[in-house]
Amino acid sequence: MAKYIGPVCKLCRREGEKLFLKGDRCFTPKCAFQRRSFAPGQHGKSGGRGRGGMGRESDYGRQLRAKQRARRVYGVLERQFRRYYETARGRHGLTGLNLLQILESRMDNIVYRLGFASSRAQARLLVTHGHFTVNGRRTDVPSMLLAPGDALQVREGSRQISYFKQLMTDAGSRTFPAWLNRDVSNLVGTLQRLPERAEIDGSLDEQLIVEYYSR
């Protein structure tokens, strides 16, 4: 299973904004982006093309940045992201919205959205270790796509782990979107429907992503 294993704070600095890839740490003074908000690399401090430095960003540059940002927010590598785009293009409706809905329906994202993990990276780790079931069947595939009506639940054997014992207390204070349903006492969540565009991160520009792949 391929995944990015480099320093994630550099990804935030490259995009010029917090992507909240480290969960709770991103809200503390330890956040690397707060201390070094400039882009990484030799010319980071001086600025670059399209970042208030050497000139205006090209259309291709804006499209690339939109695609890279979405990839990094959801923790998806290029080949898999391209497959998601092809799947979205084959569905009825708007390709850009279809793509975002596919990304939102990933199992690791659902775990994160339910408040069972503080970041998508942590959610991916919990899923990989087999702590969850989908419709009663244990699964350890973070990229598994859930469909409306699917129920995700913490395994009975995993509930004795201190993390999940504490989660029953902590998760109640974490918000979750309207397209999901959550029962904290039983550590179960249900995908009620696919999210509408207004319920997905507004800083993502799906139209630029479609333009990038349509070149």
N, C-alpha and C. Protein backbone atom coordinates (compact mmCIF):
# COMPACT_ATOMS: atom_id res chain seq x y z
N MET A 1 0.84 -1.19 0.00
CA MET A 1 0.00 0.00 0.00
C MET A 1 0.88 1.24 0.00
N ALA A 2 0.84 2.01 -1.09
CA ALA A 2 1.68 3.19 -1.22
C ALA A 2 1.11 4.35 -0.41
N LYS A 3 2.01 5.12 0.19
CA LYS A 3 1.59 6.31 0.92
C LYS A 3 2.76 7.28 1.01
N TYR A 4 2.45 8.54 1.23
CA TYR A 4 3.48 9.55 1.40
C TYR A 4 4.07 9.43 2.80
N ILE A 5 5.40 9.36 2.89
CA ILE A 5 6.05 9.17 4.19
C ILE A 5 6.98 10.33 4.53
N GLY A 6 6.94 11.40 3.73
CA GLY A 6 7.80 12.55 3.99
C GLY A 6 7.20 13.47 5.05
N PRO A 7 7.87 14.58 5.36
CA PRO A 7 7.38 15.54 6.36
C PRO A 7 6.14 16.28 5.85
N VAL A 8 5.02 16.10 6.52
CA VAL A 8 3.76 16.67 6.02
C VAL A 8 3.69 18.18 6.20
N CYS A 9 4.45 18.73 7.15
CA CYS A 9 4.42 20.18 7.34
C CYS A 9 4.95 20.91 6.11
N LYS A 10 5.83 20.26 5.36
CA LYS A 10 6.33 20.87 4.13
C LYS A 10 5.21 21.00 3.10
N LEU A 11 4.25 20.10 3.15
CA LEU A 11 3.14 20.16 2.20
C LEU A 11 2.29 21.41 2.47
N CYS A 12 2.06 21.70 3.74
CA CYS A 12 1.31 22.92 4.08
C CYS A 12 2.08 24.16 3.64
N ARG A 13 3.37 24.17 3.88
CA ARG A 13 4.18 25.31 3.50
C ARG A 13 4.22 25.48 1.99
N ARG A 14 4.22 24.40 1.25
CA ARG A 14 4.22 24.49 -0.21
C ARG A 14 2.91 25.06 -0.73
N GLU A 15 1.81 24.72 -0.07
CA GLU A 15 0.51 25.22 -0.52
C GLU A 15 0.22 26.62 0.02
N GLY A 16 1.04 27.08 0.96
CA GLY A 16 0.86 28.42 1.49
C GLY A 16 -0.28 28.57 2.47
N GLU A 17 -0.74 27.46 3.05
CA GLU A 17 -1.83 27.51 4.03
C GLU A 17 -1.86 26.21 4.83
N LYS A 18 -2.50 26.28 5.98
CA LYS A 18 -2.63 25.07 6.81
C LYS A 18 -3.58 24.08 6.16
N LEU A 19 -3.14 22.84 6.05
CA LEU A 19 -3.99 21.76 5.55
C LEU A 19 -4.46 20.87 6.69
N PHE A 20 -4.00 21.15 7.92
CA PHE A 20 -4.40 20.41 9.12
C PHE A 20 -4.13 18.91 8.97
N LEU A 21 -2.92 18.60 8.54
CA LEU A 21 -2.54 17.21 8.29
C LEU A 21 -2.05 16.50 9.54
N LYS A 22 -1.80 17.26 10.63
CA LYS A 22 -1.31 16.65 11.87
C LYS A 22 -2.33 16.73 12.99
N GLY A 23 -3.58 16.97 12.65
CA GLY A 23 -4.63 16.95 13.66
C GLY A 23 -4.49 18.05 14.69
N ASP A 24 -4.55 17.69 15.97
CA ASP A 24 -4.54 18.66 17.07
C ASP A 24 -3.27 19.50 17.11
N ARG A 25 -2.16 18.95 16.66
CA ARG A 25 -0.89 19.68 16.69
C ARG A 25 -0.97 20.96 15.85
N CYS A 26 -1.79 20.95 14.81
CA CYS A 26 -1.91 22.12 13.93
C CYS A 26 -2.52 23.32 14.63
N PHE A 27 -3.17 23.09 15.78
CA PHE A 27 -3.81 24.17 16.52
C PHE A 27 -2.93 24.68 17.67
N THR A 28 -1.69 24.21 17.73
CA THR A 28 -0.78 24.61 18.80
C THR A 28 0.39 25.42 18.24
N PRO A 29 1.15 26.10 19.10
CA PRO A 29 2.33 26.85 18.64
C PRO A 29 3.41 25.97 18.03
N LYS A 30 3.31 24.65 18.21
CA LYS A 30 4.29 23.74 17.64
C LYS A 30 4.12 23.57 16.13
N CYS A 31 3.03 24.08 15.60
CA CYS A 31 2.75 23.94 14.17
C CYS A 31 3.88 24.59 13.37
N ALA A 32 4.51 23.81 12.48
CA ALA A 32 5.64 24.32 11.70
C ALA A 32 5.22 25.44 10.75
N PHE A 33 3.98 25.41 10.29
CA PHE A 33 3.53 26.44 9.36
C PHE A 33 3.48 27.81 10.04
N GLN A 34 3.16 27.85 11.32
CA GLN A 34 3.13 29.12 12.04
C GLN A 34 4.53 29.70 12.20
N ARG A 35 5.51 28.83 12.34
CA ARG A 35 6.88 29.29 12.53
C ARG A 35 7.59 29.59 11.21
N ARG A 36 7.22 28.82 10.17
CA ARG A 36 7.85 29.01 8.86
C ARG A 36 6.78 28.88 7.78
N SER A 37 6.07 29.97 7.53
CA SER A 37 4.96 29.92 6.58
C SER A 37 5.40 30.03 5.13
N PHE A 38 6.69 30.29 4.90
CA PHE A 38 7.18 30.39 3.53
C PHE A 38 7.37 28.99 2.93
N ALA A 39 7.42 28.93 1.61
CA ALA A 39 7.55 27.65 0.92
C ALA A 39 8.90 27.01 1.23
N PRO A 40 8.98 25.67 1.27
CA PRO A 40 10.26 25.01 1.53
C PRO A 40 11.19 25.14 0.33
N GLY A 41 12.46 24.92 0.57
CA GLY A 41 13.41 24.96 -0.53
C GLY A 41 14.29 26.20 -0.51
N GLN A 42 15.22 26.24 -1.43
CA GLN A 42 16.22 27.29 -1.48
C GLN A 42 15.63 28.68 -1.68
N HIS A 43 14.56 28.78 -2.48
CA HIS A 43 13.99 30.09 -2.80
C HIS A 43 12.67 30.34 -2.06
N GLY A 44 12.43 29.59 -1.01
CA GLY A 44 11.16 29.71 -0.30
C GLY A 44 10.91 31.09 0.28
N LYS A 45 11.90 31.65 0.96
CA LYS A 45 11.71 32.95 1.60
C LYS A 45 11.56 34.08 0.60
N SER A 46 12.25 33.97 -0.54
CA SER A 46 12.22 35.05 -1.52
C SER A 46 10.93 35.05 -2.33
N GLY A 47 10.16 33.94 -2.25
CA GLY A 47 8.92 33.86 -3.01
C GLY A 47 9.21 33.36 -4.41
N GLY A 48 8.18 32.81 -5.04
CA GLY A 48 8.35 32.28 -6.38
C GLY A 48 7.23 32.73 -7.27
N ARG A 49 7.23 32.23 -8.46
CA ARG A 49 6.21 32.60 -9.42
C ARG A 49 4.83 32.24 -8.88
N GLY A 50 3.94 33.23 -8.85
CA GLY A 50 2.59 32.99 -8.38
C GLY A 50 2.44 33.06 -6.88
N ARG A 51 3.53 33.33 -6.14
CA ARG A 51 3.47 33.40 -4.68
C ARG A 51 3.94 34.78 -4.19
N GLY A 52 3.61 35.81 -4.96
CA GLY A 52 3.98 37.16 -4.56
C GLY A 52 5.43 37.47 -4.85
N GLY A 53 6.07 36.68 -5.71
CA GLY A 53 7.48 36.88 -5.98
C GLY A 53 7.75 37.32 -7.40
N MET A 54 8.14 36.38 -8.27
CA MET A 54 8.71 36.72 -9.55
C MET A 54 7.68 37.00 -10.64
N GLY A 55 6.43 36.77 -10.43
CA GLY A 55 5.48 37.05 -11.49
C GLY A 55 4.15 36.38 -11.27
N ARG A 56 3.25 36.57 -12.23
CA ARG A 56 1.91 36.02 -12.13
C ARG A 56 1.91 34.54 -12.43
N GLU A 57 1.13 33.79 -11.66
CA GLU A 57 1.05 32.34 -11.85
C GLU A 57 0.28 32.03 -13.11
N SER A 58 0.74 31.05 -13.87
CA SER A 58 0.07 30.66 -15.10
C SER A 58 -1.19 29.87 -14.81
N ASP A 59 -2.04 29.70 -15.84
CA ASP A 59 -3.24 28.90 -15.68
C ASP A 59 -2.88 27.46 -15.31
N TYR A 60 -1.85 26.94 -15.95
CA TYR A 60 -1.40 25.58 -15.63
C TYR A 60 -0.95 25.49 -14.18
N GLY A 61 -0.23 26.52 -13.72
CA GLY A 61 0.24 26.52 -12.34
C GLY A 61 -0.91 26.49 -11.35
N ARG A 62 -1.96 27.27 -11.62
CA ARG A 62 -3.13 27.29 -10.73
C ARG A 62 -3.85 25.94 -10.74
N GLN A 63 -3.94 25.34 -11.92
CA GLN A 63 -4.59 24.04 -12.03
C GLN A 63 -3.79 22.97 -11.28
N LEU A 64 -2.48 23.02 -11.44
CA LEU A 64 -1.61 22.05 -10.76
C LEU A 64 -1.71 22.19 -9.25
N ARG A 65 -1.69 23.43 -8.76
CA ARG A 65 -1.77 23.65 -7.33
C ARG A 65 -3.10 23.17 -6.77
N ALA A 66 -4.19 23.38 -7.51
CA ALA A 66 -5.51 22.91 -7.05
C ALA A 66 -5.53 21.40 -6.94
N LYS A 67 -4.94 20.74 -7.92
CA LYS A 67 -4.90 19.27 -7.90
C LYS A 67 -4.01 18.76 -6.76
N GLN A 68 -2.85 19.36 -6.60
CA GLN A 68 -1.92 18.95 -5.55
C GLN A 68 -2.51 19.19 -4.17
N ARG A 69 -3.21 20.30 -4.01
CA ARG A 69 -3.80 20.60 -2.71
C ARG A 69 -4.84 19.54 -2.33
N ALA A 70 -5.70 19.18 -3.28
CA ALA A 70 -6.73 18.16 -3.00
C ALA A 70 -6.08 16.82 -2.67
N ARG A 71 -5.05 16.45 -3.42
CA ARG A 71 -4.34 15.21 -3.15
C ARG A 71 -3.79 15.18 -1.74
N ARG A 72 -3.20 16.29 -1.34
CA ARG A 72 -2.54 16.34 -0.04
C ARG A 72 -3.54 16.40 1.11
N VAL A 73 -4.65 17.07 0.91
CA VAL A 73 -5.67 17.13 1.95
C VAL A 73 -6.19 15.73 2.27
N TYR A 74 -6.43 14.93 1.22
CA TYR A 74 -7.00 13.59 1.42
C TYR A 74 -5.94 12.50 1.52
N GLY A 75 -4.67 12.84 1.36
CA GLY A 75 -3.61 11.85 1.50
C GLY A 75 -3.59 10.81 0.41
N VAL A 76 -3.81 11.24 -0.83
CA VAL A 76 -3.88 10.32 -1.97
C VAL A 76 -2.71 10.57 -2.91
N LEU A 77 -2.07 9.52 -3.38
CA LEU A 77 -0.98 9.67 -4.34
C LEU A 77 -1.52 9.88 -5.75
N GLU A 78 -0.63 10.27 -6.65
CA GLU A 78 -1.06 10.70 -7.98
C GLU A 78 -1.81 9.63 -8.77
N ARG A 79 -1.29 8.42 -8.81
CA ARG A 79 -1.92 7.39 -9.63
C ARG A 79 -3.34 7.08 -9.16
N GLN A 80 -3.52 6.99 -7.87
CA GLN A 80 -4.85 6.72 -7.33
C GLN A 80 -5.78 7.91 -7.54
N PHE A 81 -5.25 9.12 -7.39
CA PHE A 81 -6.06 10.31 -7.61
C PHE A 81 -6.54 10.36 -9.05
N ARG A 82 -5.69 9.99 -9.99
CA ARG A 82 -6.07 9.96 -11.40
C ARG A 82 -7.18 8.92 -11.66
N ARG A 83 -7.09 7.79 -10.97
CA ARG A 83 -8.14 6.78 -11.11
C ARG A 83 -9.47 7.30 -10.58
N TYR A 84 -9.42 8.02 -9.47
CA TYR A 84 -10.65 8.61 -8.94
C TYR A 84 -11.25 9.59 -9.95
N TYR A 85 -10.39 10.36 -10.61
CA TYR A 85 -10.88 11.31 -11.61
C TYR A 85 -11.56 10.58 -12.75
N GLU A 86 -10.96 9.50 -13.23
CA GLU A 86 -11.55 8.74 -14.34
C GLU A 86 -12.89 8.14 -13.92
N THR A 87 -12.97 7.67 -12.67
CA THR A 87 -14.24 7.14 -12.16
C THR A 87 -15.29 8.24 -12.10
N ALA A 88 -14.89 9.42 -11.61
CA ALA A 88 -15.81 10.56 -11.51
C ALA A 88 -16.30 10.99 -12.88
N ARG A 89 -15.43 10.95 -13.87
CA ARG A 89 -15.80 11.36 -15.22
C ARG A 89 -16.82 10.40 -15.84
N GLY A 90 -16.77 9.14 -15.42
CA GLY A 90 -17.70 8.15 -15.95
C GLY A 90 -19.06 8.15 -15.29
N ARG A 91 -19.23 8.91 -14.21
CA ARG A 91 -20.51 8.98 -13.52
C ARG A 91 -21.37 10.10 -14.07
N HIS A 92 -22.67 10.00 -13.84
CA HIS A 92 -23.57 11.09 -14.23
C HIS A 92 -23.34 12.29 -13.31
N GLY A 93 -23.55 13.47 -13.84
CA GLY A 93 -23.42 14.68 -13.03
C GLY A 93 -22.11 15.40 -13.31
N LEU A 94 -21.79 16.34 -12.44
CA LEU A 94 -20.59 17.15 -12.59
C LEU A 94 -19.35 16.35 -12.17
N THR A 95 -18.37 16.30 -13.05
CA THR A 95 -17.17 15.51 -12.78
C THR A 95 -16.46 15.99 -11.51
N GLY A 96 -16.34 17.31 -11.34
CA GLY A 96 -15.64 17.84 -10.18
C GLY A 96 -16.32 17.47 -8.87
N LEU A 97 -17.64 17.60 -8.83
CA LEU A 97 -18.38 17.23 -7.62
C LEU A 97 -18.29 15.73 -7.38
N ASN A 98 -18.40 14.94 -8.44
CA ASN A 98 -18.27 13.48 -8.31
C ASN A 98 -16.93 13.11 -7.70
N LEU A 99 -15.87 13.80 -8.13
CA LEU A 99 -14.53 13.52 -7.62
C LEU A 99 -14.45 13.81 -6.12
N LEU A 100 -14.96 14.95 -5.70
CA LEU A 100 -14.92 15.30 -4.27
C LEU A 100 -15.76 14.32 -3.44
N GLN A 101 -16.88 13.89 -3.98
CA GLN A 101 -17.72 12.93 -3.25
C GLN A 101 -17.03 11.59 -3.11
N ILE A 102 -16.28 11.18 -4.13
CA ILE A 102 -15.51 9.94 -4.04
C ILE A 102 -14.46 10.06 -2.95
N LEU A 103 -13.75 11.17 -2.92
CA LEU A 103 -12.72 11.39 -1.90
C LEU A 103 -13.33 11.41 -0.50
N GLU A 104 -14.48 12.03 -0.37
CA GLU A 104 -15.13 12.11 0.94
C GLU A 104 -15.66 10.76 1.41
N SER A 105 -15.94 9.85 0.48
CA SER A 105 -16.50 8.55 0.86
C SER A 105 -15.43 7.50 1.15
N ARG A 106 -14.15 7.89 1.08
CA ARG A 106 -13.09 6.96 1.47
C ARG A 106 -13.24 6.61 2.96
N MET A 107 -12.89 5.38 3.30
CA MET A 107 -13.08 4.91 4.66
C MET A 107 -12.26 5.73 5.66
N ASP A 108 -11.00 6.05 5.32
CA ASP A 108 -10.19 6.82 6.27
C ASP A 108 -10.77 8.21 6.48
N ASN A 109 -11.36 8.80 5.42
CA ASN A 109 -11.97 10.11 5.57
C ASN A 109 -13.23 10.05 6.43
N ILE A 110 -14.00 8.97 6.27
CA ILE A 110 -15.22 8.81 7.07
C ILE A 110 -14.86 8.69 8.56
N VAL A 111 -13.81 7.90 8.85
CA VAL A 111 -13.36 7.76 10.24
C VAL A 111 -12.97 9.13 10.81
N TYR A 112 -12.27 9.92 10.01
CA TYR A 112 -11.87 11.27 10.43
C TYR A 112 -13.08 12.18 10.60
N ARG A 113 -13.98 12.17 9.65
CA ARG A 113 -15.16 13.03 9.71
C ARG A 113 -16.06 12.70 10.90
N LEU A 114 -16.10 11.44 11.29
CA LEU A 114 -16.91 11.04 12.44
C LEU A 114 -16.30 11.47 13.76
N GLY A 115 -15.05 11.91 13.73
CA GLY A 115 -14.38 12.32 14.96
C GLY A 115 -13.70 11.17 15.68
N PHE A 116 -13.55 10.03 14.98
CA PHE A 116 -12.88 8.88 15.59
C PHE A 116 -11.36 8.98 15.46
N ALA A 117 -10.86 10.00 14.76
CA ALA A 117 -9.44 10.26 14.62
C ALA A 117 -9.25 11.77 14.49
N SER A 118 -8.10 12.27 14.91
CA SER A 118 -7.86 13.72 14.87
C SER A 118 -7.32 14.19 13.53
N SER A 119 -6.94 13.26 12.67
CA SER A 119 -6.45 13.61 11.34
C SER A 119 -6.70 12.43 10.40
N ARG A 120 -6.62 12.67 9.12
CA ARG A 120 -6.80 11.57 8.16
C ARG A 120 -5.64 10.59 8.24
N ALA A 121 -4.46 11.07 8.55
CA ALA A 121 -3.31 10.18 8.69
C ALA A 121 -3.51 9.21 9.85
N GLN A 122 -4.02 9.72 10.97
CA GLN A 122 -4.30 8.85 12.11
C GLN A 122 -5.42 7.88 11.78
N ALA A 123 -6.43 8.37 11.06
CA ALA A 123 -7.54 7.49 10.66
C ALA A 123 -7.04 6.37 9.77
N ARG A 124 -6.14 6.70 8.85
CA ARG A 124 -5.58 5.68 7.97
C ARG A 124 -4.86 4.61 8.77
N LEU A 125 -4.11 5.02 9.78
CA LEU A 125 -3.37 4.07 10.61
C LEU A 125 -4.33 3.17 11.39
N LEU A 126 -5.38 3.74 11.97
CA LEU A 126 -6.34 2.95 12.73
C LEU A 126 -7.04 1.93 11.84
N VAL A 127 -7.38 2.35 10.62
CA VAL A 127 -8.03 1.42 9.69
C VAL A 127 -7.08 0.30 9.30
N THR A 128 -5.83 0.66 8.99
CA THR A 128 -4.84 -0.33 8.57
C THR A 128 -4.61 -1.38 9.65
N HIS A 129 -4.73 -0.98 10.91
CA HIS A 129 -4.53 -1.92 12.02
C HIS A 129 -5.78 -2.76 12.30
N GLY A 130 -6.81 -2.59 11.50
CA GLY A 130 -7.98 -3.46 11.59
C GLY A 130 -8.92 -3.18 12.74
N HIS A 131 -9.03 -1.92 13.17
CA HIS A 131 -9.88 -1.60 14.31
C HIS A 131 -11.34 -1.35 13.94
N PHE A 132 -11.68 -1.39 12.65
CA PHE A 132 -13.04 -1.05 12.24
C PHE A 132 -13.68 -2.15 11.40
N THR A 133 -14.99 -2.17 11.45
CA THR A 133 -15.77 -3.04 10.57
C THR A 133 -16.69 -2.17 9.73
N VAL A 134 -17.04 -2.66 8.55
CA VAL A 134 -18.03 -2.00 7.69
C VAL A 134 -19.14 -3.01 7.43
N ASN A 135 -20.33 -2.67 7.88
CA ASN A 135 -21.48 -3.59 7.76
C ASN A 135 -21.17 -4.93 8.40
N GLY A 136 -20.45 -4.88 9.54
CA GLY A 136 -20.17 -6.09 10.30
C GLY A 136 -18.95 -6.87 9.86
N ARG A 137 -18.29 -6.45 8.79
CA ARG A 137 -17.12 -7.17 8.29
C ARG A 137 -15.86 -6.35 8.54
N ARG A 138 -14.87 -6.99 9.12
CA ARG A 138 -13.62 -6.29 9.41
C ARG A 138 -12.91 -5.93 8.10
N THR A 139 -12.39 -4.72 8.04
CA THR A 139 -11.65 -4.29 6.86
C THR A 139 -10.47 -3.45 7.29
N ASP A 140 -9.37 -3.57 6.56
CA ASP A 140 -8.16 -2.80 6.87
C ASP A 140 -7.68 -2.03 5.65
N VAL A 141 -8.61 -1.62 4.79
CA VAL A 141 -8.28 -0.90 3.56
C VAL A 141 -8.75 0.54 3.67
N PRO A 142 -7.85 1.49 3.93
CA PRO A 142 -8.26 2.89 4.11
C PRO A 142 -8.93 3.49 2.89
N SER A 143 -8.60 3.00 1.70
CA SER A 143 -9.15 3.58 0.47
C SER A 143 -10.51 2.99 0.09
N MET A 144 -11.03 2.08 0.89
CA MET A 144 -12.34 1.50 0.59
C MET A 144 -13.39 2.60 0.51
N LEU A 145 -14.21 2.56 -0.54
CA LEU A 145 -15.25 3.57 -0.72
C LEU A 145 -16.57 3.08 -0.13
N LEU A 146 -17.13 3.87 0.76
CA LEU A 146 -18.40 3.52 1.38
C LEU A 146 -19.55 4.09 0.55
N ALA A 147 -20.68 3.42 0.60
CA ALA A 147 -21.88 3.84 -0.12
C ALA A 147 -22.94 4.24 0.90
N PRO A 148 -23.91 5.07 0.47
CA PRO A 148 -24.99 5.45 1.39
C PRO A 148 -25.65 4.22 2.02
N GLY A 149 -25.79 4.25 3.34
CA GLY A 149 -26.37 3.13 4.06
C GLY A 149 -25.33 2.26 4.75
N ASP A 150 -24.07 2.39 4.36
CA ASP A 150 -23.01 1.59 4.99
C ASP A 150 -22.76 2.07 6.42
N ALA A 151 -22.56 1.12 7.32
CA ALA A 151 -22.31 1.43 8.73
C ALA A 151 -20.89 1.05 9.10
N LEU A 152 -20.17 1.98 9.69
CA LEU A 152 -18.79 1.78 10.13
C LEU A 152 -18.77 1.76 11.66
N GLN A 153 -18.07 0.78 12.23
CA GLN A 153 -18.09 0.62 13.68
C GLN A 153 -16.74 0.15 14.18
N VAL A 154 -16.37 0.58 15.38
CA VAL A 154 -15.15 0.10 16.03
C VAL A 154 -15.37 -1.35 16.45
N ARG A 155 -14.42 -2.22 16.16
CA ARG A 155 -14.54 -3.63 16.49
C ARG A 155 -14.68 -3.82 18.00
N GLU A 156 -15.42 -4.84 18.36
CA GLU A 156 -15.65 -5.14 19.77
C GLU A 156 -14.33 -5.34 20.51
N GLY A 157 -13.41 -6.09 19.90
CA GLY A 157 -12.13 -6.36 20.55
C GLY A 157 -11.26 -5.13 20.71
N SER A 158 -11.47 -4.12 19.84
CA SER A 158 -10.65 -2.91 19.91
C SER A 158 -11.13 -1.92 20.96
N ARG A 159 -12.33 -2.10 21.46
CA ARG A 159 -12.89 -1.14 22.40
C ARG A 159 -12.22 -1.19 23.77
N GLN A 160 -11.44 -2.25 24.02
CA GLN A 160 -10.73 -2.35 25.29
C GLN A 160 -9.41 -1.59 25.26
N ILE A 161 -9.01 -1.14 24.08
CA ILE A 161 -7.78 -0.35 23.95
C ILE A 161 -8.02 1.03 24.57
N SER A 162 -7.04 1.55 25.25
CA SER A 162 -7.21 2.83 25.97
C SER A 162 -7.62 3.97 25.04
N TYR A 163 -7.12 3.96 23.79
CA TYR A 163 -7.47 5.03 22.86
C TYR A 163 -8.97 5.09 22.64
N PHE A 164 -9.59 3.94 22.40
CA PHE A 164 -11.02 3.92 22.12
C PHE A 164 -11.86 4.12 23.38
N LYS A 165 -11.33 3.72 24.53
CA LYS A 165 -12.03 4.02 25.77
C LYS A 165 -12.12 5.52 25.99
N GLN A 166 -11.00 6.21 25.72
CA GLN A 166 -10.98 7.67 25.85
C GLN A 166 -11.81 8.33 24.76
N LEU A 167 -11.84 7.69 23.59
CA LEU A 167 -12.60 8.24 22.46
C LEU A 167 -14.08 8.35 22.79
N MET A 168 -14.60 7.43 23.56
CA MET A 168 -16.02 7.47 23.92
C MET A 168 -16.36 8.73 24.70
N THR A 169 -15.34 9.32 25.33
CA THR A 169 -15.52 10.58 26.05
C THR A 169 -15.23 11.77 25.16
N ASP A 170 -14.14 11.67 24.39
CA ASP A 170 -13.68 12.81 23.59
C ASP A 170 -14.48 13.05 22.33
N ALA A 171 -14.93 11.98 21.68
CA ALA A 171 -15.58 12.12 20.37
C ALA A 171 -16.85 12.95 20.44
N GLY A 172 -17.51 12.93 21.58
CA GLY A 172 -18.76 13.68 21.72
C GLY A 172 -18.59 15.17 21.52
N SER A 173 -17.38 15.69 21.79
CA SER A 173 -17.12 17.12 21.63
C SER A 173 -16.69 17.48 20.21
N ARG A 174 -16.49 16.48 19.38
CA ARG A 174 -16.06 16.73 18.00
C ARG A 174 -17.29 16.76 17.09
N THR A 175 -17.36 17.76 16.25
CA THR A 175 -18.50 17.88 15.35
C THR A 175 -18.37 16.89 14.19
N PHE A 176 -19.47 16.59 13.56
CA PHE A 176 -19.46 15.74 12.37
C PHE A 176 -20.49 16.28 11.38
N PRO A 177 -20.30 16.05 10.09
CA PRO A 177 -21.18 16.64 9.06
C PRO A 177 -22.56 16.01 9.03
N ALA A 178 -23.50 16.75 8.44
CA ALA A 178 -24.91 16.33 8.42
C ALA A 178 -25.14 15.09 7.56
N TRP A 179 -24.24 14.79 6.63
CA TRP A 179 -24.44 13.63 5.76
C TRP A 179 -24.00 12.33 6.42
N LEU A 180 -23.50 12.44 7.65
CA LEU A 180 -23.16 11.26 8.44
C LEU A 180 -24.04 11.19 9.68
N ASN A 181 -24.19 10.01 10.23
CA ASN A 181 -24.88 9.83 11.49
C ASN A 181 -23.93 9.12 12.45
N ARG A 182 -23.90 9.53 13.71
CA ARG A 182 -22.92 8.99 14.65
C ARG A 182 -23.56 8.65 15.98
N ASP A 183 -23.17 7.49 16.52
CA ASP A 183 -23.59 7.06 17.85
C ASP A 183 -22.31 6.83 18.65
N VAL A 184 -21.93 7.83 19.45
CA VAL A 184 -20.67 7.77 20.18
C VAL A 184 -20.66 6.64 21.20
N SER A 185 -21.79 6.40 21.85
CA SER A 185 -21.83 5.37 22.90
C SER A 185 -21.51 3.99 22.35
N ASN A 186 -21.83 3.75 21.09
CA ASN A 186 -21.54 2.46 20.46
C ASN A 186 -20.39 2.55 19.46
N LEU A 187 -19.80 3.75 19.33
CA LEU A 187 -18.70 3.99 18.39
C LEU A 187 -19.05 3.48 16.99
N VAL A 188 -20.18 3.93 16.50
CA VAL A 188 -20.65 3.53 15.18
C VAL A 188 -21.08 4.78 14.41
N GLY A 189 -20.84 4.77 13.12
CA GLY A 189 -21.26 5.87 12.25
C GLY A 189 -21.83 5.32 10.96
N THR A 190 -22.76 6.07 10.37
CA THR A 190 -23.42 5.62 9.14
C THR A 190 -23.34 6.72 8.09
N LEU A 191 -23.00 6.31 6.88
CA LEU A 191 -23.03 7.23 5.74
C LEU A 191 -24.48 7.31 5.25
N GLN A 192 -25.15 8.41 5.57
CA GLN A 192 -26.56 8.55 5.21
C GLN A 192 -26.75 8.89 3.74
N ARG A 193 -25.86 9.72 3.22
CA ARG A 193 -25.94 10.14 1.82
C ARG A 193 -24.60 10.74 1.43
N LEU A 194 -24.40 10.96 0.14
CA LEU A 194 -23.18 11.63 -0.31
C LEU A 194 -23.30 13.12 0.01
N PRO A 195 -22.21 13.76 0.34
CA PRO A 195 -22.27 15.18 0.70
C PRO A 195 -22.59 16.07 -0.50
N GLU A 196 -23.26 17.18 -0.24
CA GLU A 196 -23.48 18.19 -1.26
C GLU A 196 -22.25 19.08 -1.33
N ARG A 197 -22.14 19.85 -2.40
CA ARG A 197 -20.93 20.67 -2.58
C ARG A 197 -20.71 21.64 -1.42
N ALA A 198 -21.78 22.23 -0.91
CA ALA A 198 -21.65 23.20 0.18
C ALA A 198 -21.14 22.55 1.47
N GLU A 199 -21.19 21.23 1.56
CA GLU A 199 -20.77 20.52 2.77
C GLU A 199 -19.33 20.02 2.68
N ILE A 200 -18.65 20.35 1.58
CA ILE A 200 -17.26 19.93 1.36
C ILE A 200 -16.37 21.16 1.41
N ASP A 201 -15.14 20.99 1.82
CA ASP A 201 -14.17 22.07 1.95
C ASP A 201 -14.26 23.08 0.81
N GLY A 202 -14.62 24.30 1.15
CA GLY A 202 -14.83 25.33 0.13
C GLY A 202 -13.55 25.82 -0.51
N SER A 203 -12.39 25.55 0.11
CA SER A 203 -11.12 26.01 -0.46
C SER A 203 -10.63 25.10 -1.57
N LEU A 204 -11.26 23.94 -1.75
CA LEU A 204 -10.90 23.05 -2.85
C LEU A 204 -11.57 23.56 -4.13
N ASP A 205 -10.83 23.62 -5.21
CA ASP A 205 -11.36 24.11 -6.49
C ASP A 205 -11.41 22.96 -7.48
N GLU A 206 -12.54 22.26 -7.50
CA GLU A 206 -12.66 21.08 -8.36
C GLU A 206 -12.65 21.43 -9.84
N GLN A 207 -13.10 22.65 -10.20
CA GLN A 207 -13.11 23.03 -11.60
C GLN A 207 -11.69 23.12 -12.16
N LEU A 208 -10.77 23.66 -11.37
CA LEU A 208 -9.38 23.72 -11.80
C LEU A 208 -8.78 22.32 -11.94
N ILE A 209 -9.21 21.40 -11.09
CA ILE A 209 -8.72 20.01 -11.20
C ILE A 209 -9.20 19.39 -12.50
N VAL A 210 -10.47 19.61 -12.82
CA VAL A 210 -11.02 19.09 -14.08
C VAL A 210 -10.27 19.70 -15.26
N GLU A 211 -9.99 20.98 -15.20
CA GLU A 211 -9.25 21.64 -16.28
C GLU A 211 -7.85 21.07 -16.41
N TYR A 212 -7.23 20.74 -15.29
CA TYR A 212 -5.88 20.17 -15.33
C TYR A 212 -5.89 18.84 -16.09
N TYR A 213 -6.81 17.96 -15.77
CA TYR A 213 -6.86 16.65 -16.42
C TYR A 213 -7.45 16.70 -17.82
N SER A 214 -8.06 17.81 -18.18
CA SER A 214 -8.68 17.94 -19.51
C SER A 214 -7.75 18.59 -20.52
N ARG A 215 -6.51 18.88 -20.11
CA ARG A 215 -5.60 19.56 -21.03
C ARG A 215 -5.31 18.70 -22.25
